[in-house]
Amino acid sequence: MIYLAHEIRGSEPHSPAKQAANMSRALLAASLLREKYPDKAFYVPAEHDDFPQQCLRMGLLSVDDVLSVDLSILKQCEELWVLLPCSGFFALGGGVAGEVEFAACNRIPTWFIALEELQ
């Protein structure tokens, strides 16, 4: 399985609108990747984000807790593909940076892709 890392909250300032746009972008990328690579299985955090986001709002989980779970899923994956931020700059932050670092430490091959490459 391939783990697709992507922005969720994005760079500061965080906002619900920015988060919704990031999630939509990740879902679009996942759809395009599945069309382009129908023989590959992808894990996409955006497809499973309702539960952790509700837990965050209720104070049951922290952002670090969610990242810890994501890293446990990543550890089971064969590759990490990173959807570059929409800013076009190679500036990864937050959870994505943590996922890239974790992959490097665990020798998980990592690839970087831009949404524009998929369209």
PDB file of N, CA and C in Angstrom:
ATOM      1  N   MET A   1       0.845  -1.171   0.000  1.00  0.00           N
ATOM      2  CA  MET A   1       0.000   0.000   0.000  1.00  0.00           C
ATOM      3  C   MET A   1       0.896   1.243   0.000  1.00  0.00           C
ATOM      4  N   ILE A   2       0.393   2.299  -0.607  1.00  0.00           N
ATOM      5  CA  ILE A   2       1.092   3.586  -0.670  1.00  0.00           C
ATOM      6  C   ILE A   2       0.346   4.590   0.210  1.00  0.00           C
ATOM      7  N   TYR A   3       1.074   5.261   1.067  1.00  0.00           N
ATOM      8  CA  TYR A   3       0.514   6.294   1.938  1.00  0.00           C
ATOM      9  C   TYR A   3       0.657   7.625   1.217  1.00  0.00           C
ATOM     10  N   LEU A   4      -0.450   8.324   1.035  1.00  0.00           N
ATOM     11  CA  LEU A   4      -0.425   9.647   0.402  1.00  0.00           C
ATOM     12  C   LEU A   4      -0.485  10.720   1.479  1.00  0.00           C
ATOM     13  N   ALA A   5       0.648  11.344   1.749  1.00  0.00           N
ATOM     14  CA  ALA A   5       0.697  12.434   2.727  1.00  0.00           C
ATOM     15  C   ALA A   5       0.221  13.720   2.060  1.00  0.00           C
ATOM     16  N   HIS A   6      -0.527  14.516   2.809  1.00  0.00           N
ATOM     17  CA  HIS A   6      -1.060  15.771   2.276  1.00  0.00           C
ATOM     18  C   HIS A   6      -1.368  16.721   3.420  1.00  0.00           C
ATOM     19  N   GLU A   7      -1.466  17.991   3.074  1.00  0.00           N
ATOM     20  CA  GLU A   7      -1.843  18.998   4.073  1.00  0.00           C
ATOM     21  C   GLU A   7      -3.277  18.744   4.543  1.00  0.00           C
ATOM     22  N   ILE A   8      -3.503  18.999   5.804  1.00  0.00           N
ATOM     23  CA  ILE A   8      -4.875  18.996   6.322  1.00  0.00           C
ATOM     24  C   ILE A   8      -5.190  20.413   6.784  1.00  0.00           C
ATOM     25  N   ARG A   9      -4.544  20.856   7.847  1.00  0.00           N
ATOM     26  CA  ARG A   9      -4.801  22.224   8.307  1.00  0.00           C
ATOM     27  C   ARG A   9      -4.042  23.242   7.467  1.00  0.00           C
ATOM     28  N   GLY A  10      -2.898  22.845   6.910  1.00  0.00           N
ATOM     29  CA  GLY A  10      -2.099  23.756   6.098  1.00  0.00           C
ATOM     30  C   GLY A  10      -1.315  24.731   6.950  1.00  0.00           C
ATOM     31  N   SER A  11      -0.704  25.686   6.293  1.00  0.00           N
ATOM     32  CA  SER A  11       0.115  26.672   6.995  1.00  0.00           C
ATOM     33  C   SER A  11      -0.780  27.626   7.785  1.00  0.00           C
ATOM     34  N   GLU A  12      -0.183  28.277   8.755  1.00  0.00           N
ATOM     35  CA  GLU A  12      -0.943  29.247   9.559  1.00  0.00           C
ATOM     36  C   GLU A  12      -1.212  30.493   8.738  1.00  0.00           C
ATOM     37  N   PRO A  13      -2.266  31.193   8.946  1.00  0.00           N
ATOM     38  CA  PRO A  13      -3.296  30.917   9.946  1.00  0.00           C
ATOM     39  C   PRO A  13      -4.232  29.802   9.475  1.00  0.00           C
ATOM     40  N   HIS A  14      -4.563  28.914  10.394  1.00  0.00           N
ATOM     41  CA  HIS A  14      -5.467  27.819  10.090  1.00  0.00           C
ATOM     42  C   HIS A  14      -6.897  28.346  10.032  1.00  0.00           C
ATOM     43  N   SER A  15      -7.696  27.753   9.166  1.00  0.00           N
ATOM     44  CA  SER A  15      -9.106  28.131   9.091  1.00  0.00           C
ATOM     45  C   SER A  15      -9.901  26.944   8.572  1.00  0.00           C
ATOM     46  N   PRO A  16     -11.176  26.888   8.905  1.00  0.00           N
ATOM     47  CA  PRO A  16     -12.020  25.812   8.364  1.00  0.00           C
ATOM     48  C   PRO A  16     -12.048  25.811   6.837  1.00  0.00           C
ATOM     49  N   ALA A  17     -12.041  26.982   6.223  1.00  0.00           N
ATOM     50  CA  ALA A  17     -12.078  27.059   4.761  1.00  0.00           C
ATOM     51  C   ALA A  17     -10.798  26.496   4.156  1.00  0.00           C
ATOM     52  N   LYS A  18      -9.655  26.828   4.748  1.00  0.00           N
ATOM     53  CA  LYS A  18      -8.383  26.313   4.251  1.00  0.00           C
ATOM     54  C   LYS A  18      -8.321  24.797   4.417  1.00  0.00           C
ATOM     55  N   GLN A  19      -8.801  24.319   5.555  1.00  0.00           N
ATOM     56  CA  GLN A  19      -8.793  22.876   5.794  1.00  0.00           C
ATOM     57  C   GLN A  19      -9.704  22.171   4.785  1.00  0.00           C
ATOM     58  N   ALA A  20     -10.864  22.704   4.527  1.00  0.00           N
ATOM     59  CA  ALA A  20     -11.782  22.101   3.548  1.00  0.00           C
ATOM     60  C   ALA A  20     -11.150  22.075   2.157  1.00  0.00           C
ATOM     61  N   ALA A  21     -10.473  23.150   1.779  1.00  0.00           N
ATOM     62  CA  ALA A  21      -9.807  23.203   0.472  1.00  0.00           C
ATOM     63  C   ALA A  21      -8.680  22.176   0.399  1.00  0.00           C
ATOM     64  N   ASN A  22      -7.906  22.030   1.472  1.00  0.00           N
ATOM     65  CA  ASN A  22      -6.824  21.045   1.501  1.00  0.00           C
ATOM     66  C   ASN A  22      -7.371  19.630   1.386  1.00  0.00           C
ATOM     67  N   MET A  23      -8.472  19.366   2.059  1.00  0.00           N
ATOM     68  CA  MET A  23      -9.070  18.035   2.015  1.00  0.00           C
ATOM     69  C   MET A  23      -9.608  17.744   0.612  1.00  0.00           C
ATOM     70  N   SER A  24     -10.269  18.694   0.014  1.00  0.00           N
ATOM     71  CA  SER A  24     -10.789  18.511  -1.348  1.00  0.00           C
ATOM     72  C   SER A  24      -9.652  18.260  -2.328  1.00  0.00           C
ATOM     73  N   ARG A  25      -8.581  18.978  -2.169  1.00  0.00           N
ATOM     74  CA  ARG A  25      -7.408  18.821  -3.027  1.00  0.00           C
ATOM     75  C   ARG A  25      -6.807  17.427  -2.871  1.00  0.00           C
ATOM     76  N   ALA A  26      -6.711  16.951  -1.648  1.00  0.00           N
ATOM     77  CA  ALA A  26      -6.172  15.610  -1.398  1.00  0.00           C
ATOM     78  C   ALA A  26      -7.077  14.534  -1.992  1.00  0.00           C
ATOM     79  N   LEU A  27      -8.382  14.721  -1.869  1.00  0.00           N
ATOM     80  CA  LEU A  27      -9.321  13.752  -2.434  1.00  0.00           C
ATOM     81  C   LEU A  27      -9.248  13.728  -3.955  1.00  0.00           C
ATOM     82  N   LEU A  28      -9.077  14.899  -4.559  1.00  0.00           N
ATOM     83  CA  LEU A  28      -8.906  14.966  -6.009  1.00  0.00           C
ATOM     84  C   LEU A  28      -7.625  14.237  -6.417  1.00  0.00           C
ATOM     85  N   ALA A  29      -6.543  14.496  -5.714  1.00  0.00           N
ATOM     86  CA  ALA A  29      -5.266  13.834  -6.017  1.00  0.00           C
ATOM     87  C   ALA A  29      -5.412  12.318  -5.893  1.00  0.00           C
ATOM     88  N   ALA A  30      -6.095  11.864  -4.856  1.00  0.00           N
ATOM     89  CA  ALA A  30      -6.292  10.424  -4.663  1.00  0.00           C
ATOM     90  C   ALA A  30      -7.073   9.822  -5.830  1.00  0.00           C
ATOM     91  N   SER A  31      -8.095  10.513  -6.255  1.00  0.00           N
ATOM     92  CA  SER A  31      -8.895  10.038  -7.386  1.00  0.00           C
ATOM     93  C   SER A  31      -8.046   9.943  -8.653  1.00  0.00           C
ATOM     94  N   LEU A  32      -7.262  10.975  -8.908  1.00  0.00           N
ATOM     95  CA  LEU A  32      -6.408  10.988 -10.094  1.00  0.00           C
ATOM     96  C   LEU A  32      -5.332   9.905 -10.019  1.00  0.00           C
ATOM     97  N   LEU A  33      -4.774   9.701  -8.843  1.00  0.00           N
ATOM     98  CA  LEU A  33      -3.761   8.657  -8.677  1.00  0.00           C
ATOM     99  C   LEU A  33      -4.352   7.274  -8.919  1.00  0.00           C
ATOM    100  N   ARG A  34      -5.550   7.050  -8.431  1.00  0.00           N
ATOM    101  CA  ARG A  34      -6.183   5.739  -8.626  1.00  0.00           C
ATOM    102  C   ARG A  34      -6.527   5.495 -10.101  1.00  0.00           C
ATOM    103  N   GLU A  35      -6.857   6.562 -10.811  1.00  0.00           N
ATOM    104  CA  GLU A  35      -7.085   6.426 -12.254  1.00  0.00           C
ATOM    105  C   GLU A  35      -5.775   6.110 -12.972  1.00  0.00           C
ATOM    106  N   LYS A  36      -4.726   6.801 -12.578  1.00  0.00           N
ATOM    107  CA  LYS A  36      -3.427   6.650 -13.240  1.00  0.00           C
ATOM    108  C   LYS A  36      -2.732   5.342 -12.873  1.00  0.00           C
ATOM    109  N   TYR A  37      -2.938   4.877 -11.640  1.00  0.00           N
ATOM    110  CA  TYR A  37      -2.294   3.665 -11.130  1.00  0.00           C
ATOM    111  C   TYR A  37      -3.344   2.712 -10.551  1.00  0.00           C
ATOM    112  N   PRO A  38      -4.182   2.130 -11.405  1.00  0.00           N
ATOM    113  CA  PRO A  38      -5.284   1.298 -10.895  1.00  0.00           C
ATOM    114  C   PRO A  38      -4.822   0.028 -10.177  1.00  0.00           C
ATOM    115  N   ASP A  39      -3.589  -0.373 -10.384  1.00  0.00           N
ATOM    116  CA  ASP A  39      -3.065  -1.579  -9.743  1.00  0.00           C
ATOM    117  C   ASP A  39      -2.482  -1.311  -8.357  1.00  0.00           C
ATOM    118  N   LYS A  40      -2.464  -0.068  -7.929  1.00  0.00           N
ATOM    119  CA  LYS A  40      -1.886   0.283  -6.629  1.00  0.00           C
ATOM    120  C   LYS A  40      -2.988   0.632  -5.624  1.00  0.00           C
ATOM    121  N   ALA A  41      -2.729   0.316  -4.370  1.00  0.00           N
ATOM    122  CA  ALA A  41      -3.646   0.658  -3.275  1.00  0.00           C
ATOM    123  C   ALA A  41      -3.081   1.864  -2.533  1.00  0.00           C
ATOM    124  N   PHE A  42      -3.939   2.821  -2.244  1.00  0.00           N
ATOM    125  CA  PHE A  42      -3.523   4.047  -1.572  1.00  0.00           C
ATOM    126  C   PHE A  42      -4.266   4.208  -0.248  1.00  0.00           C
ATOM    127  N   TYR A  43      -3.531   4.637   0.779  1.00  0.00           N
ATOM    128  CA  TYR A  43      -4.146   5.096   2.022  1.00  0.00           C
ATOM    129  C   TYR A  43      -4.073   6.615   2.004  1.00  0.00           C
ATOM    130  N   VAL A  44      -5.223   7.268   2.132  1.00  0.00           N
ATOM    131  CA  VAL A  44      -5.301   8.723   2.043  1.00  0.00           C
ATOM    132  C   VAL A  44      -5.964   9.238   3.322  1.00  0.00           C
ATOM    133  N   PRO A  45      -5.219   9.931   4.184  1.00  0.00           N
ATOM    134  CA  PRO A  45      -5.798  10.414   5.432  1.00  0.00           C
ATOM    135  C   PRO A  45      -7.101  11.199   5.242  1.00  0.00           C
ATOM    136  N   ALA A  46      -7.213  11.971   4.169  1.00  0.00           N
ATOM    137  CA  ALA A  46      -8.435  12.768   3.946  1.00  0.00           C
ATOM    138  C   ALA A  46      -9.684  11.906   3.857  1.00  0.00           C
ATOM    139  N   GLU A  47      -9.518  10.667   3.459  1.00  0.00           N
ATOM    140  CA  GLU A  47     -10.679   9.773   3.329  1.00  0.00           C
ATOM    141  C   GLU A  47     -11.145   9.220   4.667  1.00  0.00           C
ATOM    142  N   HIS A  48     -10.367   9.477   5.706  1.00  0.00           N
ATOM    143  CA  HIS A  48     -10.673   8.923   7.033  1.00  0.00           C
ATOM    144  C   HIS A  48     -10.616  10.001   8.109  1.00  0.00           C
ATOM    145  N   ASP A  49     -10.824  11.241   7.747  1.00  0.00           N
ATOM    146  CA  ASP A  49     -10.531  12.342   8.662  1.00  0.00           C
ATOM    147  C   ASP A  49     -11.697  12.787   9.538  1.00  0.00           C
ATOM    148  N   ASP A  50     -12.893  12.356   9.266  1.00  0.00           N
ATOM    149  CA  ASP A  50     -14.034  12.809  10.078  1.00  0.00           C
ATOM    150  C   ASP A  50     -13.864  12.451  11.553  1.00  0.00           C
ATOM    151  N   PHE A  51     -13.481  11.215  11.820  1.00  0.00           N
ATOM    152  CA  PHE A  51     -13.351  10.769  13.210  1.00  0.00           C
ATOM    153  C   PHE A  51     -12.268  11.532  13.969  1.00  0.00           C
ATOM    154  N   PRO A  52     -11.023  11.587  13.458  1.00  0.00           N
ATOM    155  CA  PRO A  52     -10.017  12.319  14.241  1.00  0.00           C
ATOM    156  C   PRO A  52     -10.341  13.805  14.399  1.00  0.00           C
ATOM    157  N   GLN A  53     -10.940  14.414  13.382  1.00  0.00           N
ATOM    158  CA  GLN A  53     -11.281  15.838  13.512  1.00  0.00           C
ATOM    159  C   GLN A  53     -12.331  16.057  14.597  1.00  0.00           C
ATOM    160  N   GLN A  54     -13.307  15.178  14.677  1.00  0.00           N
ATOM    161  CA  GLN A  54     -14.316  15.291  15.735  1.00  0.00           C
ATOM    162  C   GLN A  54     -13.671  15.086  17.106  1.00  0.00           C
ATOM    163  N   CYS A  55     -12.746  14.128  17.199  1.00  0.00           N
ATOM    164  CA  CYS A  55     -12.033  13.901  18.463  1.00  0.00           C
ATOM    165  C   CYS A  55     -11.193  15.112  18.857  1.00  0.00           C
ATOM    166  N   LEU A  56     -10.566  15.756  17.875  1.00  0.00           N
ATOM    167  CA  LEU A  56      -9.801  16.977  18.158  1.00  0.00           C
ATOM    168  C   LEU A  56     -10.712  18.071  18.702  1.00  0.00           C
ATOM    169  N   ARG A  57     -11.863  18.265  18.054  1.00  0.00           N
ATOM    170  CA  ARG A  57     -12.805  19.310  18.504  1.00  0.00           C
ATOM    171  C   ARG A  57     -13.319  19.040  19.913  1.00  0.00           C
ATOM    172  N   MET A  58     -13.469  17.760  20.258  1.00  0.00           N
ATOM    173  CA  MET A  58     -13.986  17.393  21.579  1.00  0.00           C
ATOM    174  C   MET A  58     -12.881  17.327  22.634  1.00  0.00           C
ATOM    175  N   GLY A  59     -11.629  17.510  22.218  1.00  0.00           N
ATOM    176  CA  GLY A  59     -10.517  17.460  23.157  1.00  0.00           C
ATOM    177  C   GLY A  59     -10.122  16.047  23.568  1.00  0.00           C
ATOM    178  N   LEU A  60     -10.560  15.053  22.808  1.00  0.00           N
ATOM    179  CA  LEU A  60     -10.239  13.671  23.134  1.00  0.00           C
ATOM    180  C   LEU A  60      -8.882  13.244  22.579  1.00  0.00           C
ATOM    181  N   LEU A  61      -8.429  13.939  21.551  1.00  0.00           N
ATOM    182  CA  LEU A  61      -7.132  13.679  20.934  1.00  0.00           C
ATOM    183  C   LEU A  61      -6.427  15.006  20.699  1.00  0.00           C
ATOM    184  N   SER A  62      -5.098  14.938  20.626  1.00  0.00           N
ATOM    185  CA  SER A  62      -4.310  16.104  20.228  1.00  0.00           C
ATOM    186  C   SER A  62      -3.828  15.884  18.797  1.00  0.00           C
ATOM    187  N   VAL A  63      -3.288  16.923  18.181  1.00  0.00           N
ATOM    188  CA  VAL A  63      -2.714  16.793  16.845  1.00  0.00           C
ATOM    189  C   VAL A  63      -1.599  15.752  16.869  1.00  0.00           C
ATOM    190  N   ASP A  64      -0.795  15.729  17.935  1.00  0.00           N
ATOM    191  CA  ASP A  64       0.277  14.737  18.059  1.00  0.00           C
ATOM    192  C   ASP A  64      -0.276  13.317  18.153  1.00  0.00           C
ATOM    193  N   ASP A  65      -1.419  13.148  18.819  1.00  0.00           N
ATOM    194  CA  ASP A  65      -2.056  11.828  18.897  1.00  0.00           C
ATOM    195  C   ASP A  65      -2.455  11.344  17.507  1.00  0.00           C
ATOM    196  N   VAL A  66      -3.047  12.236  16.722  1.00  0.00           N
ATOM    197  CA  VAL A  66      -3.480  11.871  15.371  1.00  0.00           C
ATOM    198  C   VAL A  66      -2.263  11.515  14.525  1.00  0.00           C
ATOM    199  N   LEU A  67      -1.197  12.298  14.622  1.00  0.00           N
ATOM    200  CA  LEU A  67       0.015  12.009  13.867  1.00  0.00           C
ATOM    201  C   LEU A  67       0.589  10.652  14.272  1.00  0.00           C
ATOM    202  N   SER A  68       0.546  10.330  15.535  1.00  0.00           N
ATOM    203  CA  SER A  68       1.053   9.041  16.007  1.00  0.00           C
ATOM    204  C   SER A  68       0.304   7.882  15.352  1.00  0.00           C
ATOM    205  N   VAL A  69      -1.006   8.016  15.251  1.00  0.00           N
ATOM    206  CA  VAL A  69      -1.803   6.980  14.585  1.00  0.00           C
ATOM    207  C   VAL A  69      -1.450   6.926  13.105  1.00  0.00           C
ATOM    208  N   ASP A  70      -1.341   8.094  12.473  1.00  0.00           N
ATOM    209  CA  ASP A  70      -0.974   8.126  11.054  1.00  0.00           C
ATOM    210  C   ASP A  70       0.376   7.450  10.819  1.00  0.00           C
ATOM    211  N   LEU A  71       1.332   7.674  11.703  1.00  0.00           N
ATOM    212  CA  LEU A  71       2.654   7.067  11.547  1.00  0.00           C
ATOM    213  C   LEU A  71       2.591   5.548  11.717  1.00  0.00           C
ATOM    214  N   SER A  72       1.700   5.078  12.577  1.00  0.00           N
ATOM    215  CA  SER A  72       1.567   3.620  12.728  1.00  0.00           C
ATOM    216  C   SER A  72       0.997   3.004  11.450  1.00  0.00           C
ATOM    217  N   ILE A  73       0.144   3.742  10.751  1.00  0.00           N
ATOM    218  CA  ILE A  73      -0.378   3.277   9.459  1.00  0.00           C
ATOM    219  C   ILE A  73       0.731   3.348   8.412  1.00  0.00           C
ATOM    220  N   LEU A  74       1.473   4.455   8.386  1.00  0.00           N
ATOM    221  CA  LEU A  74       2.568   4.618   7.435  1.00  0.00           C
ATOM    222  C   LEU A  74       3.591   3.498   7.574  1.00  0.00           C
ATOM    223  N   LYS A  75       3.857   3.069   8.791  1.00  0.00           N
ATOM    224  CA  LYS A  75       4.845   2.013   9.020  1.00  0.00           C
ATOM    225  C   LYS A  75       4.471   0.720   8.302  1.00  0.00           C
ATOM    226  N   GLN A  76       3.194   0.523   8.046  1.00  0.00           N
ATOM    227  CA  GLN A  76       2.721  -0.681   7.361  1.00  0.00           C
ATOM    228  C   GLN A  76       2.735  -0.534   5.837  1.00  0.00           C
ATOM    229  N   CYS A  77       3.088   0.646   5.348  1.00  0.00           N
ATOM    230  CA  CYS A  77       3.041   0.922   3.909  1.00  0.00           C
ATOM    231  C   CYS A  77       4.403   0.704   3.257  1.00  0.00           C
ATOM    232  N   GLU A  78       4.357   0.439   1.958  1.00  0.00           N
ATOM    233  CA  GLU A  78       5.570   0.181   1.194  1.00  0.00           C
ATOM    234  C   GLU A  78       6.248   1.464   0.725  1.00  0.00           C
ATOM    235  N   GLU A  79       5.457   2.506   0.505  1.00  0.00           N
ATOM    236  CA  GLU A  79       5.990   3.776   0.011  1.00  0.00           C
ATOM    237  C   GLU A  79       5.198   4.931   0.609  1.00  0.00           C
ATOM    238  N   LEU A  80       5.837   6.099   0.589  1.00  0.00           N
ATOM    239  CA  LEU A  80       5.185   7.358   0.961  1.00  0.00           C
ATOM    240  C   LEU A  80       5.217   8.259  -0.261  1.00  0.00           C
ATOM    241  N   TRP A  81       4.055   8.710  -0.690  1.00  0.00           N
ATOM    242  CA  TRP A  81       3.965   9.704  -1.750  1.00  0.00           C
ATOM    243  C   TRP A  81       3.465  10.976  -1.087  1.00  0.00           C
ATOM    244  N   VAL A  82       4.137  12.082  -1.346  1.00  0.00           N
ATOM    245  CA  VAL A  82       3.817  13.349  -0.692  1.00  0.00           C
ATOM    246  C   VAL A  82       3.231  14.302  -1.719  1.00  0.00           C
ATOM    247  N   LEU A  83       2.001  14.728  -1.476  1.00  0.00           N
ATOM    248  CA  LEU A  83       1.359  15.740  -2.311  1.00  0.00           C
ATOM    249  C   LEU A  83       1.913  17.091  -1.876  1.00  0.00           C
ATOM    250  N   LEU A  84       2.626  17.731  -2.787  1.00  0.00           N
ATOM    251  CA  LEU A  84       3.233  19.025  -2.446  1.00  0.00           C
ATOM    252  C   LEU A  84       2.163  20.071  -2.154  1.00  0.00           C
ATOM    253  N   PRO A  85       2.463  21.007  -1.264  1.00  0.00           N
ATOM    254  CA  PRO A  85       1.493  22.051  -0.912  1.00  0.00           C
ATOM    255  C   PRO A  85       1.071  22.858  -2.139  1.00  0.00           C
ATOM    256  N   CYS A  86      -0.127  23.382  -2.090  1.00  0.00           N
ATOM    257  CA  CYS A  86      -0.662  24.138  -3.228  1.00  0.00           C
ATOM    258  C   CYS A  86       0.089  25.445  -3.446  1.00  0.00           C
ATOM    259  N   SER A  87       0.862  25.877  -2.467  1.00  0.00           N
ATOM    260  CA  SER A  87       1.625  27.115  -2.626  1.00  0.00           C
ATOM    261  C   SER A  87       2.679  26.990  -3.717  1.00  0.00           C
ATOM    262  N   GLY A  88       3.005  25.751  -4.089  1.00  0.00           N
ATOM    263  CA  GLY A  88       4.025  25.538  -5.095  1.00  0.00           C
ATOM    264  C   GLY A  88       5.429  25.544  -4.520  1.00  0.00           C
ATOM    265  N   PHE A  89       5.550  25.880  -3.252  1.00  0.00           N
ATOM    266  CA  PHE A  89       6.851  25.896  -2.613  1.00  0.00           C
ATOM    267  C   PHE A  89       7.087  24.568  -1.905  1.00  0.00           C
ATOM    268  N   PHE A  90       8.323  24.145  -1.927  1.00  0.00           N
ATOM    269  CA  PHE A  90       8.690  22.905  -1.263  1.00  0.00           C
ATOM    270  C   PHE A  90       8.942  23.210   0.212  1.00  0.00           C
ATOM    271  N   ALA A  91       7.887  23.558   0.907  1.00  0.00           N
ATOM    272  CA  ALA A  91       7.968  23.863   2.325  1.00  0.00           C
ATOM    273  C   ALA A  91       6.943  23.000   3.046  1.00  0.00           C
ATOM    274  N   LEU A  92       7.395  21.877   3.546  1.00  0.00           N
ATOM    275  CA  LEU A  92       6.495  20.963   4.228  1.00  0.00           C
ATOM    276  C   LEU A  92       6.494  21.289   5.710  1.00  0.00           C
ATOM    277  N   GLY A  93       5.336  21.273   6.283  1.00  0.00           N
ATOM    278  CA  GLY A  93       5.234  21.557   7.700  1.00  0.00           C
ATOM    279  C   GLY A  93       4.304  20.580   8.377  1.00  0.00           C
ATOM    280  N   GLY A  94       4.167  20.734   9.667  1.00  0.00           N
ATOM    281  CA  GLY A  94       3.214  19.964  10.438  1.00  0.00           C
ATOM    282  C   GLY A  94       3.356  18.468  10.272  1.00  0.00           C
ATOM    283  N   GLY A  95       2.210  17.825  10.123  1.00  0.00           N
ATOM    284  CA  GLY A  95       2.169  16.379  10.027  1.00  0.00           C
ATOM    285  C   GLY A  95       2.908  15.831   8.831  1.00  0.00           C
ATOM    286  N   VAL A  96       2.854  16.521   7.709  1.00  0.00           N
ATOM    287  CA  VAL A  96       3.531  16.027   6.503  1.00  0.00           C
ATOM    288  C   VAL A  96       5.038  15.953   6.741  1.00  0.00           C
ATOM    289  N   ALA A  97       5.598  16.966   7.362  1.00  0.00           N
ATOM    290  CA  ALA A  97       7.027  16.944   7.676  1.00  0.00           C
ATOM    291  C   ALA A  97       7.349  15.772   8.600  1.00  0.00           C
ATOM    292  N   GLY A  98       6.489  15.520   9.559  1.00  0.00           N
ATOM    293  CA  GLY A  98       6.674  14.385  10.464  1.00  0.00           C
ATOM    294  C   GLY A  98       6.600  13.055   9.733  1.00  0.00           C
ATOM    295  N   GLU A  99       5.695  12.957   8.770  1.00  0.00           N
ATOM    296  CA  GLU A  99       5.564  11.723   7.991  1.00  0.00           C
ATOM    297  C   GLU A  99       6.806  11.494   7.127  1.00  0.00           C
ATOM    298  N   VAL A 100       7.330  12.561   6.521  1.00  0.00           N
ATOM    299  CA  VAL A 100       8.534  12.448   5.697  1.00  0.00           C
ATOM    300  C   VAL A 100       9.727  12.033   6.563  1.00  0.00           C
ATOM    301  N   GLU A 101       9.862  12.645   7.714  1.00  0.00           N
ATOM    302  CA  GLU A 101      10.965  12.295   8.613  1.00  0.00           C
ATOM    303  C   GLU A 101      10.859  10.842   9.068  1.00  0.00           C
ATOM    304  N   PHE A 102       9.646  10.424   9.421  1.00  0.00           N
ATOM    305  CA  PHE A 102       9.418   9.046   9.858  1.00  0.00           C
ATOM    306  C   PHE A 102       9.778   8.064   8.743  1.00  0.00           C
ATOM    307  N   ALA A 103       9.363   8.374   7.517  1.00  0.00           N
ATOM    308  CA  ALA A 103       9.672   7.505   6.377  1.00  0.00           C
ATOM    309  C   ALA A 103      11.181   7.399   6.178  1.00  0.00           C
ATOM    310  N   ALA A 104      11.880   8.521   6.286  1.00  0.00           N
ATOM    311  CA  ALA A 104      13.337   8.503   6.122  1.00  0.00           C
ATOM    312  C   ALA A 104      13.988   7.632   7.198  1.00  0.00           C
ATOM    313  N   CYS A 105      13.546   7.786   8.429  1.00  0.00           N
ATOM    314  CA  CYS A 105      14.125   7.009   9.535  1.00  0.00           C
ATOM    315  C   CYS A 105      13.809   5.518   9.424  1.00  0.00           C
ATOM    316  N   ASN A 106      12.712   5.190   8.756  1.00  0.00           N
ATOM    317  CA  ASN A 106      12.293   3.795   8.622  1.00  0.00           C
ATOM    318  C   ASN A 106      12.538   3.237   7.223  1.00  0.00           C
ATOM    319  N   ARG A 107      13.318   3.970   6.448  1.00  0.00           N
ATOM    320  CA  ARG A 107      13.711   3.537   5.101  1.00  0.00           C
ATOM    321  C   ARG A 107      12.518   3.196   4.205  1.00  0.00           C
ATOM    322  N   ILE A 108      11.495   4.008   4.306  1.00  0.00           N
ATOM    323  CA  ILE A 108      10.334   3.876   3.434  1.00  0.00           C
ATOM    324  C   ILE A 108      10.568   4.795   2.244  1.00  0.00           C
ATOM    325  N   PRO A 109      10.614   4.241   1.042  1.00  0.00           N
ATOM    326  CA  PRO A 109      10.842   5.094  -0.138  1.00  0.00           C
ATOM    327  C   PRO A 109       9.811   6.211  -0.209  1.00  0.00           C
ATOM    328  N   THR A 110      10.282   7.413  -0.531  1.00  0.00           N
ATOM    329  CA  THR A 110       9.424   8.603  -0.533  1.00  0.00           C
ATOM    330  C   THR A 110       9.520   9.304  -1.874  1.00  0.00           C
ATOM    331  N   TRP A 111       8.359   9.682  -2.389  1.00  0.00           N
ATOM    332  CA  TRP A 111       8.250  10.380  -3.673  1.00  0.00           C
ATOM    333  C   TRP A 111       7.414  11.630  -3.463  1.00  0.00           C
ATOM    334  N   PHE A 112       7.733  12.673  -4.213  1.00  0.00           N
ATOM    335  CA  PHE A 112       7.019  13.942  -4.104  1.00  0.00           C
ATOM    336  C   PHE A 112       6.300  14.206  -5.421  1.00  0.00           C
ATOM    337  N   ILE A 113       5.023  14.579  -5.314  1.00  0.00           N
ATOM    338  CA  ILE A 113       4.225  14.820  -6.509  1.00  0.00           C
ATOM    339  C   ILE A 113       3.451  16.135  -6.362  1.00  0.00           C
ATOM    340  N   ALA A 114       3.229  16.769  -7.473  1.00  0.00           N
ATOM    341  CA  ALA A 114       2.405  17.977  -7.509  1.00  0.00           C
ATOM    342  C   ALA A 114       1.064  17.623  -8.161  1.00  0.00           C
ATOM    343  N   LEU A 115       0.008  18.221  -7.686  1.00  0.00           N
ATOM    344  CA  LEU A 115      -1.309  17.952  -8.235  1.00  0.00           C
ATOM    345  C   LEU A 115      -1.332  18.198  -9.738  1.00  0.00           C
ATOM    346  N   GLU A 116      -0.625  19.223 -10.162  1.00  0.00           N
ATOM    347  CA  GLU A 116      -0.601  19.594 -11.589  1.00  0.00           C
ATOM    348  C   GLU A 116      -0.031  18.464 -12.449  1.00  0.00           C
ATOM    349  N   GLU A 117       0.857  17.661 -11.893  1.00  0.00           N
ATOM    350  CA  GLU A 117       1.423  16.537 -12.635  1.00  0.00           C
ATOM    351  C   GLU A 117       0.389  15.459 -12.919  1.00  0.00           C
ATOM    352  N   LEU A 118      -0.642  15.406 -12.104  1.00  0.00           N
ATOM    353  CA  LEU A 118      -1.651  14.360 -12.222  1.00  0.00           C
ATOM    354  C   LEU A 118      -2.794  14.734 -13.151  1.00  0.00           C
ATOM    355  N   GLN A 119      -2.963  16.024 -13.394  1.00  0.00           N
ATOM    356  CA  GLN A 119      -4.109  16.484 -14.176  1.00  0.00           C
ATOM    357  C   GLN A 119      -3.835  16.475 -15.659  1.00  0.00           C
TER     358      GLN A 119
END
